[in-house]
Amino acid sequence: MVADDEGTHAVELCWSDGRTETVRVGSDETVVDAAEAAEIALPYGCLYGACGTCIAELLDGEMTHRRSPRALKDRTLEAGYVLPCIATPETDCRLRIGHDIQAEVVGTPWK
C-alpha cells in the first residue's frame, strides 16, 4: 500500500452495520478532517485526543498520532486502537469505526 501521486492514502471506514466508505487522507490532515471534507460523519468530541469519542480499531495499515493520544492507555494502543481526530495514515488503512467502539474499549458507567 503506497500513497498516490498526491501524497494521500485511502482509508476505508467500516461501521458495525456493514456500511463502508473510503476517504482519501492527505499527509497534512487527520482522518476526521478528511472525512468531514468528504461529508462523511464520524463520531468525535474534542479533536485533541483527550476525550476518546472517536476511538477506532486499526484493522489494516499504519497510522501515526500527531500528538500524544491521551484518551488511550498503552494496552489499548498495543491492541491496535487509534484516535482518528489526531491520526494520519502512513499507508492505506482500514478502520472499524462508530460510537459503539468507545463503549466496547473504555466501558460505560451503565453496565
PDB file of N, CA and C in Angstrom:
ATOM      1  N   MET A   1       0.840  -1.178   0.000  1.00  0.00           N
ATOM      2  CA  MET A   1       0.000   0.000   0.000  1.00  0.00           C
ATOM      3  C   MET A   1       0.885   1.240   0.000  1.00  0.00           C
ATOM      4  N   VAL A   2       0.747   2.040  -1.012  1.00  0.00           N
ATOM      5  CA  VAL A   2       1.606   3.194  -1.165  1.00  0.00           C
ATOM      6  C   VAL A   2       0.752   4.408  -1.485  1.00  0.00           C
ATOM      7  N   ALA A   3       1.206   5.571  -1.031  1.00  0.00           N
ATOM      8  CA  ALA A   3       0.490   6.807  -1.322  1.00  0.00           C
ATOM      9  C   ALA A   3       0.462   7.051  -2.825  1.00  0.00           C
ATOM     10  N   ASP A   4      -0.582   7.732  -3.276  1.00  0.00           N
ATOM     11  CA  ASP A   4      -0.651   8.055  -4.691  1.00  0.00           C
ATOM     12  C   ASP A   4       0.192   9.299  -4.973  1.00  0.00           C
ATOM     13  N   ASP A   5       0.137   9.802  -6.195  1.00  0.00           N
ATOM     14  CA  ASP A   5       0.950  10.951  -6.597  1.00  0.00           C
ATOM     15  C   ASP A   5       0.643  12.205  -5.795  1.00  0.00           C
ATOM     16  N   GLU A   6      -0.529  12.304  -5.233  1.00  0.00           N
ATOM     17  CA  GLU A   6      -0.917  13.495  -4.485  1.00  0.00           C
ATOM     18  C   GLU A   6      -0.509  13.404  -3.018  1.00  0.00           C
ATOM     19  N   GLY A   7       0.167  12.329  -2.606  1.00  0.00           N
ATOM     20  CA  GLY A   7       0.578  12.189  -1.219  1.00  0.00           C
ATOM     21  C   GLY A   7      -0.561  11.848  -0.283  1.00  0.00           C
ATOM     22  N   THR A   8      -1.558  11.149  -0.800  1.00  0.00           N
ATOM     23  CA  THR A   8      -2.697  10.750   0.035  1.00  0.00           C
ATOM     24  C   THR A   8      -2.735   9.238   0.183  1.00  0.00           C
ATOM     25  N   HIS A   9      -3.469   8.802   1.191  1.00  0.00           N
ATOM     26  CA  HIS A   9      -3.701   7.382   1.412  1.00  0.00           C
ATOM     27  C   HIS A   9      -5.204   7.140   1.470  1.00  0.00           C
ATOM     28  N   ALA A  10      -5.626   5.975   0.998  1.00  0.00           N
ATOM     29  CA  ALA A  10      -7.023   5.571   1.092  1.00  0.00           C
ATOM     30  C   ALA A  10      -7.261   4.984   2.481  1.00  0.00           C
ATOM     31  N   VAL A  11      -8.291   5.479   3.154  1.00  0.00           N
ATOM     32  CA  VAL A  11      -8.677   4.941   4.451  1.00  0.00           C
ATOM     33  C   VAL A  11     -10.107   4.440   4.331  1.00  0.00           C
ATOM     34  N   GLU A  12     -10.260   3.123   4.461  1.00  0.00           N
ATOM     35  CA  GLU A  12     -11.587   2.519   4.408  1.00  0.00           C
ATOM     36  C   GLU A  12     -12.182   2.555   5.812  1.00  0.00           C
ATOM     37  N   LEU A  13     -13.350   3.141   5.937  1.00  0.00           N
ATOM     38  CA  LEU A  13     -14.059   3.271   7.206  1.00  0.00           C
ATOM     39  C   LEU A  13     -15.142   2.201   7.248  1.00  0.00           C
ATOM     40  N   CYS A  14     -15.119   1.354   8.267  1.00  0.00           N
ATOM     41  CA  CYS A  14     -16.025   0.213   8.362  1.00  0.00           C
ATOM     42  C   CYS A  14     -16.888   0.341   9.613  1.00  0.00           C
ATOM     43  N   TRP A  15     -18.203   0.440   9.437  1.00  0.00           N
ATOM     44  CA  TRP A  15     -19.143   0.506  10.548  1.00  0.00           C
ATOM     45  C   TRP A  15     -19.627  -0.897  10.902  1.00  0.00           C
ATOM     46  N   SER A  16     -20.109  -1.073  12.110  1.00  0.00           N
ATOM     47  CA  SER A  16     -20.559  -2.388  12.574  1.00  0.00           C
ATOM     48  C   SER A  16     -21.793  -2.890  11.826  1.00  0.00           C
ATOM     49  N   ASP A  17     -22.540  -1.984  11.188  1.00  0.00           N
ATOM     50  CA  ASP A  17     -23.721  -2.411  10.434  1.00  0.00           C
ATOM     51  C   ASP A  17     -23.379  -2.887   9.017  1.00  0.00           C
ATOM     52  N   GLY A  18     -22.068  -2.925   8.696  1.00  0.00           N
ATOM     53  CA  GLY A  18     -21.642  -3.406   7.384  1.00  0.00           C
ATOM     54  C   GLY A  18     -21.373  -2.316   6.366  1.00  0.00           C
ATOM     55  N   ARG A  19     -21.764  -1.089   6.661  1.00  0.00           N
ATOM     56  CA  ARG A  19     -21.523   0.021   5.729  1.00  0.00           C
ATOM     57  C   ARG A  19     -20.035   0.338   5.690  1.00  0.00           C
ATOM     58  N   THR A  20     -19.530   0.678   4.515  1.00  0.00           N
ATOM     59  CA  THR A  20     -18.144   1.116   4.365  1.00  0.00           C
ATOM     60  C   THR A  20     -18.093   2.363   3.497  1.00  0.00           C
ATOM     61  N   GLU A  21     -17.121   3.195   3.759  1.00  0.00           N
ATOM     62  CA  GLU A  21     -16.835   4.386   2.949  1.00  0.00           C
ATOM     63  C   GLU A  21     -15.328   4.473   2.865  1.00  0.00           C
ATOM     64  N   THR A  22     -14.816   4.964   1.760  1.00  0.00           N
ATOM     65  CA  THR A  22     -13.378   5.179   1.635  1.00  0.00           C
ATOM     66  C   THR A  22     -13.135   6.663   1.439  1.00  0.00           C
ATOM     67  N   VAL A  23     -12.171   7.177   2.195  1.00  0.00           N
ATOM     68  CA  VAL A  23     -11.813   8.592   2.117  1.00  0.00           C
ATOM     69  C   VAL A  23     -10.321   8.694   1.844  1.00  0.00           C
ATOM     70  N   ARG A  24      -9.926   9.666   1.026  1.00  0.00           N
ATOM     71  CA  ARG A  24      -8.506   9.936   0.760  1.00  0.00           C
ATOM     72  C   ARG A  24      -8.029  10.924   1.823  1.00  0.00           C
ATOM     73  N   VAL A  25      -6.933  10.576   2.497  1.00  0.00           N
ATOM     74  CA  VAL A  25      -6.415  11.406   3.579  1.00  0.00           C
ATOM     75  C   VAL A  25      -5.010  11.862   3.211  1.00  0.00           C
ATOM     76  N   GLY A  26      -4.819  13.170   3.154  1.00  0.00           N
ATOM     77  CA  GLY A  26      -3.516  13.736   2.844  1.00  0.00           C
ATOM     78  C   GLY A  26      -2.574  13.652   4.029  1.00  0.00           C
ATOM     79  N   SER A  27      -1.297  13.778   3.758  1.00  0.00           N
ATOM     80  CA  SER A  27      -0.291  13.681   4.817  1.00  0.00           C
ATOM     81  C   SER A  27      -0.388  14.834   5.809  1.00  0.00           C
ATOM     82  N   ASP A  28      -1.073  15.896   5.443  1.00  0.00           N
ATOM     83  CA  ASP A  28      -1.196  17.065   6.314  1.00  0.00           C
ATOM     84  C   ASP A  28      -2.550  17.151   7.010  1.00  0.00           C
ATOM     85  N   GLU A  29      -3.360  16.086   6.959  1.00  0.00           N
ATOM     86  CA  GLU A  29      -4.674  16.135   7.592  1.00  0.00           C
ATOM     87  C   GLU A  29      -4.954  14.870   8.384  1.00  0.00           C
ATOM     88  N   THR A  30      -5.907  14.968   9.290  1.00  0.00           N
ATOM     89  CA  THR A  30      -6.307  13.808  10.077  1.00  0.00           C
ATOM     90  C   THR A  30      -7.440  13.075   9.363  1.00  0.00           C
ATOM     91  N   VAL A  31      -7.732  11.879   9.830  1.00  0.00           N
ATOM     92  CA  VAL A  31      -8.830  11.093   9.258  1.00  0.00           C
ATOM     93  C   VAL A  31     -10.154  11.834   9.454  1.00  0.00           C
ATOM     94  N   VAL A  32     -10.371  12.394  10.640  1.00  0.00           N
ATOM     95  CA  VAL A  32     -11.618  13.131  10.886  1.00  0.00           C
ATOM     96  C   VAL A  32     -11.731  14.331   9.961  1.00  0.00           C
ATOM     97  N   ASP A  33     -10.656  15.086   9.774  1.00  0.00           N
ATOM     98  CA  ASP A  33     -10.688  16.241   8.867  1.00  0.00           C
ATOM     99  C   ASP A  33     -11.030  15.820   7.436  1.00  0.00           C
ATOM    100  N   ALA A  34     -10.396  14.750   6.961  1.00  0.00           N
ATOM    101  CA  ALA A  34     -10.652  14.272   5.598  1.00  0.00           C
ATOM    102  C   ALA A  34     -12.091  13.779   5.453  1.00  0.00           C
ATOM    103  N   ALA A  35     -12.591  13.076   6.462  1.00  0.00           N
ATOM    104  CA  ALA A  35     -13.971  12.583   6.416  1.00  0.00           C
ATOM    105  C   ALA A  35     -14.955  13.753   6.390  1.00  0.00           C
ATOM    106  N   GLU A  36     -14.707  14.753   7.222  1.00  0.00           N
ATOM    107  CA  GLU A  36     -15.578  15.939   7.226  1.00  0.00           C
ATOM    108  C   GLU A  36     -15.595  16.604   5.853  1.00  0.00           C
ATOM    109  N   ALA A  37     -14.419  16.747   5.241  1.00  0.00           N
ATOM    110  CA  ALA A  37     -14.329  17.368   3.914  1.00  0.00           C
ATOM    111  C   ALA A  37     -15.098  16.562   2.871  1.00  0.00           C
ATOM    112  N   ALA A  38     -15.156  15.235   3.058  1.00  0.00           N
ATOM    113  CA  ALA A  38     -15.878  14.357   2.130  1.00  0.00           C
ATOM    114  C   ALA A  38     -17.340  14.167   2.541  1.00  0.00           C
ATOM    115  N   GLU A  39     -17.775  14.914   3.562  1.00  0.00           N
ATOM    116  CA  GLU A  39     -19.152  14.856   4.075  1.00  0.00           C
ATOM    117  C   GLU A  39     -19.514  13.467   4.591  1.00  0.00           C
ATOM    118  N   ILE A  40     -18.548  12.830   5.262  1.00  0.00           N
ATOM    119  CA  ILE A  40     -18.759  11.546   5.927  1.00  0.00           C
ATOM    120  C   ILE A  40     -18.726  11.822   7.423  1.00  0.00           C
ATOM    121  N   ALA A  41     -19.825  11.540   8.102  1.00  0.00           N
ATOM    122  CA  ALA A  41     -19.917  11.835   9.529  1.00  0.00           C
ATOM    123  C   ALA A  41     -19.232  10.755  10.362  1.00  0.00           C
ATOM    124  N   LEU A  42     -18.270  11.184  11.168  1.00  0.00           N
ATOM    125  CA  LEU A  42     -17.602  10.306  12.126  1.00  0.00           C
ATOM    126  C   LEU A  42     -17.838  10.862  13.526  1.00  0.00           C
ATOM    127  N   PRO A  43     -17.895   9.981  14.521  1.00  0.00           N
ATOM    128  CA  PRO A  43     -18.021  10.493  15.883  1.00  0.00           C
ATOM    129  C   PRO A  43     -16.712  11.147  16.327  1.00  0.00           C
ATOM    130  N   TYR A  44     -16.812  12.287  16.970  1.00  0.00           N
ATOM    131  CA  TYR A  44     -15.648  12.925  17.584  1.00  0.00           C
ATOM    132  C   TYR A  44     -16.142  13.929  18.610  1.00  0.00           C
ATOM    133  N   GLY A  45     -15.239  14.330  19.477  1.00  0.00           N
ATOM    134  CA  GLY A  45     -15.584  15.300  20.510  1.00  0.00           C
ATOM    135  C   GLY A  45     -14.598  16.449  20.524  1.00  0.00           C
ATOM    136  N   CYS A  46     -13.448  16.215  21.133  1.00  0.00           N
ATOM    137  CA  CYS A  46     -12.517  17.307  21.416  1.00  0.00           C
ATOM    138  C   CYS A  46     -11.583  17.685  20.268  1.00  0.00           C
ATOM    139  N   LEU A  47     -11.269  16.786  19.386  1.00  0.00           N
ATOM    140  CA  LEU A  47     -10.298  16.961  18.300  1.00  0.00           C
ATOM    141  C   LEU A  47      -8.864  17.149  18.801  1.00  0.00           C
ATOM    142  N   TYR A  48      -8.602  16.787  20.057  1.00  0.00           N
ATOM    143  CA  TYR A  48      -7.263  16.911  20.634  1.00  0.00           C
ATOM    144  C   TYR A  48      -6.732  15.587  21.189  1.00  0.00           C
ATOM    145  N   GLY A  49      -7.486  14.497  21.061  1.00  0.00           N
ATOM    146  CA  GLY A  49      -7.029  13.211  21.557  1.00  0.00           C
ATOM    147  C   GLY A  49      -7.242  12.987  23.036  1.00  0.00           C
ATOM    148  N   ALA A  50      -8.100  13.795  23.648  1.00  0.00           N
ATOM    149  CA  ALA A  50      -8.301  13.697  25.090  1.00  0.00           C
ATOM    150  C   ALA A  50      -9.580  12.972  25.492  1.00  0.00           C
ATOM    151  N   CYS A  51     -10.618  13.024  24.679  1.00  0.00           N
ATOM    152  CA  CYS A  51     -11.923  12.504  25.124  1.00  0.00           C
ATOM    153  C   CYS A  51     -12.172  11.043  24.737  1.00  0.00           C
ATOM    154  N   GLY A  52     -11.621  10.573  23.638  1.00  0.00           N
ATOM    155  CA  GLY A  52     -11.818   9.194  23.207  1.00  0.00           C
ATOM    156  C   GLY A  52     -13.105   8.929  22.457  1.00  0.00           C
ATOM    157  N   THR A  53     -13.881   9.941  22.164  1.00  0.00           N
ATOM    158  CA  THR A  53     -15.144   9.748  21.450  1.00  0.00           C
ATOM    159  C   THR A  53     -14.936   9.114  20.086  1.00  0.00           C
ATOM    160  N   CYS A  54     -13.845   9.424  19.426  1.00  0.00           N
ATOM    161  CA  CYS A  54     -13.608   8.960  18.054  1.00  0.00           C
ATOM    162  C   CYS A  54     -12.848   7.643  17.972  1.00  0.00           C
ATOM    163  N   ILE A  55     -12.555   6.994  19.073  1.00  0.00           N
ATOM    164  CA  ILE A  55     -11.720   5.791  19.073  1.00  0.00           C
ATOM    165  C   ILE A  55     -12.137   4.816  17.967  1.00  0.00           C
ATOM    166  N   ALA A  56     -11.135   4.277  17.271  1.00  0.00           N
ATOM    167  CA  ALA A  56     -11.362   3.341  16.166  1.00  0.00           C
ATOM    168  C   ALA A  56     -10.339   2.216  16.254  1.00  0.00           C
ATOM    169  N   GLU A  57     -10.698   1.070  15.701  1.00  0.00           N
ATOM    170  CA  GLU A  57      -9.778  -0.055  15.660  1.00  0.00           C
ATOM    171  C   GLU A  57      -9.087  -0.084  14.301  1.00  0.00           C
ATOM    172  N   LEU A  58      -7.773  -0.082  14.319  1.00  0.00           N
ATOM    173  CA  LEU A  58      -6.987  -0.163  13.094  1.00  0.00           C
ATOM    174  C   LEU A  58      -6.932  -1.623  12.662  1.00  0.00           C
ATOM    175  N   LEU A  59      -7.631  -1.956  11.575  1.00  0.00           N
ATOM    176  CA  LEU A  59      -7.706  -3.332  11.085  1.00  0.00           C
ATOM    177  C   LEU A  59      -6.537  -3.677  10.171  1.00  0.00           C
ATOM    178  N   ASP A  60      -6.126  -2.730   9.355  1.00  0.00           N
ATOM    179  CA  ASP A  60      -5.016  -2.904   8.413  1.00  0.00           C
ATOM    180  C   ASP A  60      -4.314  -1.570   8.226  1.00  0.00           C
ATOM    181  N   GLY A  61      -3.018  -1.621   7.974  1.00  0.00           N
ATOM    182  CA  GLY A  61      -2.263  -0.416   7.675  1.00  0.00           C
ATOM    183  C   GLY A  61      -1.551   0.145   8.886  1.00  0.00           C
ATOM    184  N   GLU A  62      -0.984   1.336   8.687  1.00  0.00           N
ATOM    185  CA  GLU A  62      -0.242   2.014   9.743  1.00  0.00           C
ATOM    186  C   GLU A  62      -0.703   3.459   9.852  1.00  0.00           C
ATOM    187  N   MET A  63      -0.861   3.909  11.101  1.00  0.00           N
ATOM    188  CA  MET A  63      -1.234   5.289  11.371  1.00  0.00           C
ATOM    189  C   MET A  63      -0.305   5.862  12.426  1.00  0.00           C
ATOM    190  N   THR A  64      -0.159   7.187  12.411  1.00  0.00           N
ATOM    191  CA  THR A  64       0.634   7.898  13.398  1.00  0.00           C
ATOM    192  C   THR A  64      -0.244   8.960  14.043  1.00  0.00           C
ATOM    193  N   HIS A  65      -0.137   9.093  15.354  1.00  0.00           N
ATOM    194  CA  HIS A  65      -0.845  10.174  16.048  1.00  0.00           C
ATOM    195  C   HIS A  65       0.016  11.439  15.990  1.00  0.00           C
ATOM    196  N   ARG A  66      -0.593  12.570  15.684  1.00  0.00           N
ATOM    197  CA  ARG A  66       0.114  13.848  15.596  1.00  0.00           C
ATOM    198  C   ARG A  66       0.587  14.350  16.959  1.00  0.00           C
ATOM    199  N   ARG A  67      -0.090  13.918  17.997  1.00  0.00           N
ATOM    200  CA  ARG A  67       0.282  14.267  19.369  1.00  0.00           C
ATOM    201  C   ARG A  67      -0.053  13.083  20.241  1.00  0.00           C
ATOM    202  N   SER A  68       0.281  13.145  21.489  1.00  0.00           N
ATOM    203  CA  SER A  68       0.027  12.043  22.402  1.00  0.00           C
ATOM    204  C   SER A  68      -1.475  11.758  22.496  1.00  0.00           C
ATOM    205  N   PRO A  69      -1.871  10.505  22.243  1.00  0.00           N
ATOM    206  CA  PRO A  69      -3.297  10.145  22.333  1.00  0.00           C
ATOM    207  C   PRO A  69      -3.684   9.918  23.800  1.00  0.00           C
ATOM    208  N   ARG A  70      -3.940  10.991  24.511  1.00  0.00           N
ATOM    209  CA  ARG A  70      -4.183  10.928  25.953  1.00  0.00           C
ATOM    210  C   ARG A  70      -5.366  10.055  26.329  1.00  0.00           C
ATOM    211  N   ALA A  71      -6.330   9.898  25.459  1.00  0.00           N
ATOM    212  CA  ALA A  71      -7.522   9.109  25.771  1.00  0.00           C
ATOM    213  C   ALA A  71      -7.277   7.602  25.695  1.00  0.00           C
ATOM    214  N   LEU A  72      -6.116   7.186  25.192  1.00  0.00           N
ATOM    215  CA  LEU A  72      -5.821   5.763  25.045  1.00  0.00           C
ATOM    216  C   LEU A  72      -4.739   5.326  26.019  1.00  0.00           C
ATOM    217  N   LYS A  73      -4.998   4.248  26.706  1.00  0.00           N
ATOM    218  CA  LYS A  73      -3.990   3.647  27.577  1.00  0.00           C
ATOM    219  C   LYS A  73      -3.023   2.836  26.711  1.00  0.00           C
ATOM    220  N   ASP A  74      -1.840   2.551  27.249  1.00  0.00           N
ATOM    221  CA  ASP A  74      -0.836   1.795  26.492  1.00  0.00           C
ATOM    222  C   ASP A  74      -1.393   0.476  25.977  1.00  0.00           C
ATOM    223  N   ARG A  75      -2.148  -0.250  26.812  1.00  0.00           N
ATOM    224  CA  ARG A  75      -2.684  -1.550  26.386  1.00  0.00           C
ATOM    225  C   ARG A  75      -3.666  -1.397  25.223  1.00  0.00           C
ATOM    226  N   THR A  76      -4.389  -0.283  25.196  1.00  0.00           N
ATOM    227  CA  THR A  76      -5.335  -0.020  24.112  1.00  0.00           C
ATOM    228  C   THR A  76      -4.585   0.299  22.822  1.00  0.00           C
ATOM    229  N   LEU A  77      -3.531   1.074  22.923  1.00  0.00           N
ATOM    230  CA  LEU A  77      -2.687   1.364  21.758  1.00  0.00           C
ATOM    231  C   LEU A  77      -2.071   0.076  21.221  1.00  0.00           C
ATOM    232  N   GLU A  78      -1.565  -0.745  22.124  1.00  0.00           N
ATOM    233  CA  GLU A  78      -0.944  -2.013  21.721  1.00  0.00           C
ATOM    234  C   GLU A  78      -1.950  -2.963  21.085  1.00  0.00           C
ATOM    235  N   ALA A  79      -3.221  -2.836  21.460  1.00  0.00           N
ATOM    236  CA  ALA A  79      -4.273  -3.678  20.889  1.00  0.00           C
ATOM    237  C   ALA A  79      -4.709  -3.190  19.506  1.00  0.00           C
ATOM    238  N   GLY A  80      -4.178  -2.034  19.069  1.00  0.00           N
ATOM    239  CA  GLY A  80      -4.459  -1.565  17.716  1.00  0.00           C
ATOM    240  C   GLY A  80      -5.533  -0.507  17.586  1.00  0.00           C
ATOM    241  N   TYR A  81      -5.802   0.227  18.647  1.00  0.00           N
ATOM    242  CA  TYR A  81      -6.794   1.292  18.573  1.00  0.00           C
ATOM    243  C   TYR A  81      -6.112   2.628  18.333  1.00  0.00           C
ATOM    244  N   VAL A  82      -6.803   3.507  17.624  1.00  0.00           N
ATOM    245  CA  VAL A  82      -6.282   4.829  17.285  1.00  0.00           C
ATOM    246  C   VAL A  82      -7.363   5.881  17.510  1.00  0.00           C
ATOM    247  N   LEU A  83      -6.931   7.133  17.511  1.00  0.00           N
ATOM    248  CA  LEU A  83      -7.864   8.260  17.609  1.00  0.00           C
ATOM    249  C   LEU A  83      -7.839   9.016  16.281  1.00  0.00           C
ATOM    250  N   PRO A  84      -8.841   8.806  15.424  1.00  0.00           N
ATOM    251  CA  PRO A  84      -8.855   9.445  14.108  1.00  0.00           C
ATOM    252  C   PRO A  84      -8.827  10.972  14.129  1.00  0.00           C
ATOM    253  N   CYS A  85      -9.165  11.577  15.260  1.00  0.00           N
ATOM    254  CA  CYS A  85      -9.136  13.047  15.330  1.00  0.00           C
ATOM    255  C   CYS A  85      -7.726  13.596  15.318  1.00  0.00           C
ATOM    256  N   ILE A  86      -6.731  12.772  15.698  1.00  0.00           N
ATOM    257  CA  ILE A  86      -5.339  13.224  15.702  1.00  0.00           C
ATOM    258  C   ILE A  86      -4.434  12.268  14.928  1.00  0.00           C
ATOM    259  N   ALA A  87      -5.014  11.323  14.197  1.00  0.00           N
ATOM    260  CA  ALA A  87      -4.230  10.311  13.481  1.00  0.00           C
ATOM    261  C   ALA A  87      -4.180  10.593  11.987  1.00  0.00           C
ATOM    262  N   THR A  88      -3.003  10.328  11.416  1.00  0.00           N
ATOM    263  CA  THR A  88      -2.814  10.417   9.975  1.00  0.00           C
ATOM    264  C   THR A  88      -2.270   9.072   9.484  1.00  0.00           C
ATOM    265  N   PRO A  89      -2.690   8.632   8.308  1.00  0.00           N
ATOM    266  CA  PRO A  89      -2.220   7.340   7.799  1.00  0.00           C
ATOM    267  C   PRO A  89      -0.808   7.425   7.241  1.00  0.00           C
ATOM    268  N   GLU A  90      -0.041   6.374   7.485  1.00  0.00           N
ATOM    269  CA  GLU A  90       1.289   6.221   6.891  1.00  0.00           C
ATOM    270  C   GLU A  90       1.200   5.334   5.651  1.00  0.00           C
ATOM    271  N   THR A  91       0.118   4.549   5.573  1.00  0.00           N
ATOM    272  CA  THR A  91      -0.151   3.655   4.445  1.00  0.00           C
ATOM    273  C   THR A  91      -1.663   3.696   4.215  1.00  0.00           C
ATOM    274  N   ASP A  92      -2.152   3.013   3.189  1.00  0.00           N
ATOM    275  CA  ASP A  92      -3.584   2.806   3.061  1.00  0.00           C
ATOM    276  C   ASP A  92      -4.023   2.010   4.293  1.00  0.00           C
ATOM    277  N   CYS A  93      -5.221   2.269   4.785  1.00  0.00           N
ATOM    278  CA  CYS A  93      -5.668   1.665   6.048  1.00  0.00           C
ATOM    279  C   CYS A  93      -7.131   1.247   5.989  1.00  0.00           C
ATOM    280  N   ARG A  94      -7.487   0.405   6.943  1.00  0.00           N
ATOM    281  CA  ARG A  94      -8.895   0.064   7.213  1.00  0.00           C
ATOM    282  C   ARG A  94      -9.135   0.320   8.688  1.00  0.00           C
ATOM    283  N   LEU A  95     -10.218   1.031   9.000  1.00  0.00           N
ATOM    284  CA  LEU A  95     -10.585   1.343  10.379  1.00  0.00           C
ATOM    285  C   LEU A  95     -11.990   0.860  10.678  1.00  0.00           C
ATOM    286  N   ARG A  96     -12.166   0.223  11.823  1.00  0.00           N
ATOM    287  CA  ARG A  96     -13.512  -0.080  12.324  1.00  0.00           C
ATOM    288  C   ARG A  96     -13.900   1.105  13.190  1.00  0.00           C
ATOM    289  N   ILE A  97     -14.993   1.755  12.826  1.00  0.00           N
ATOM    290  CA  ILE A  97     -15.377   2.998  13.493  1.00  0.00           C
ATOM    291  C   ILE A  97     -16.822   2.946  13.971  1.00  0.00           C
ATOM    292  N   GLY A  98     -17.194   3.914  14.787  1.00  0.00           N
ATOM    293  CA  GLY A  98     -18.570   4.045  15.253  1.00  0.00           C
ATOM    294  C   GLY A  98     -18.624   4.292  16.747  1.00  0.00           C
ATOM    295  N   HIS A  99     -19.763   4.789  17.192  1.00  0.00           N
ATOM    296  CA  HIS A  99     -19.960   5.122  18.607  1.00  0.00           C
ATOM    297  C   HIS A  99     -19.794   3.915  19.525  1.00  0.00           C
ATOM    298  N   ASP A 100     -20.130   2.737  19.058  1.00  0.00           N
ATOM    299  CA  ASP A 100     -20.081   1.547  19.904  1.00  0.00           C
ATOM    300  C   ASP A 100     -18.664   1.146  20.306  1.00  0.00           C
ATOM    301  N   ILE A 101     -17.661   1.576  19.566  1.00  0.00           N
ATOM    302  CA  ILE A 101     -16.287   1.165  19.868  1.00  0.00           C
ATOM    303  C   ILE A 101     -15.794   1.788  21.168  1.00  0.00           C
ATOM    304  N   GLN A 102     -16.119   3.038  21.430  1.00  0.00           N
ATOM    305  CA  GLN A 102     -15.686   3.666  22.679  1.00  0.00           C
ATOM    306  C   GLN A 102     -16.223   2.891  23.877  1.00  0.00           C
ATOM    307  N   ALA A 103     -17.495   2.531  23.851  1.00  0.00           N
ATOM    308  CA  ALA A 103     -18.091   1.771  24.956  1.00  0.00           C
ATOM    309  C   ALA A 103     -17.454   0.391  25.070  1.00  0.00           C
ATOM    310  N   GLU A 104     -17.137  -0.218  23.948  1.00  0.00           N
ATOM    311  CA  GLU A 104     -16.503  -1.531  23.917  1.00  0.00           C
ATOM    312  C   GLU A 104     -15.109  -1.500  24.547  1.00  0.00           C
ATOM    313  N   VAL A 105     -14.346  -0.461  24.251  1.00  0.00           N
ATOM    314  CA  VAL A 105     -12.968  -0.365  24.709  1.00  0.00           C
ATOM    315  C   VAL A 105     -12.863   0.235  26.108  1.00  0.00           C
ATOM    316  N   VAL A 106     -13.564   1.320  26.326  1.00  0.00           N
ATOM    317  CA  VAL A 106     -13.456   2.063  27.582  1.00  0.00           C
ATOM    318  C   VAL A 106     -14.470   1.575  28.602  1.00  0.00           C
ATOM    319  N   GLY A 107     -15.600   1.090  28.123  1.00  0.00           N
ATOM    320  CA  GLY A 107     -16.685   0.714  29.033  1.00  0.00           C
ATOM    321  C   GLY A 107     -17.605   1.901  29.272  1.00  0.00           C
ATOM    322  N   THR A 108     -18.704   1.645  29.908  1.00  0.00           N
ATOM    323  CA  THR A 108     -19.645   2.711  30.244  1.00  0.00           C
ATOM    324  C   THR A 108     -20.036   2.553  31.712  1.00  0.00           C
ATOM    325  N   PRO A 109     -20.444   3.621  32.337  1.00  0.00           N
ATOM    326  CA  PRO A 109     -20.849   3.520  33.742  1.00  0.00           C
ATOM    327  C   PRO A 109     -22.207   2.841  33.916  1.00  0.00           C
ATOM    328  N   TRP A 110     -22.905   2.561  32.812  1.00  0.00           N
ATOM    329  CA  TRP A 110     -24.250   1.990  32.895  1.00  0.00           C
ATOM    330  C   TRP A 110     -24.248   0.483  32.833  1.00  0.00           C
ATOM    331  N   LYS A 111     -23.103  -0.148  32.646  1.00  0.00           N
ATOM    332  CA  LYS A 111     -23.042  -1.614  32.557  1.00  0.00           C
ATOM    333  C   LYS A 111     -22.737  -2.204  33.896  1.00  0.00           C
TER     334      LYS A 111
END
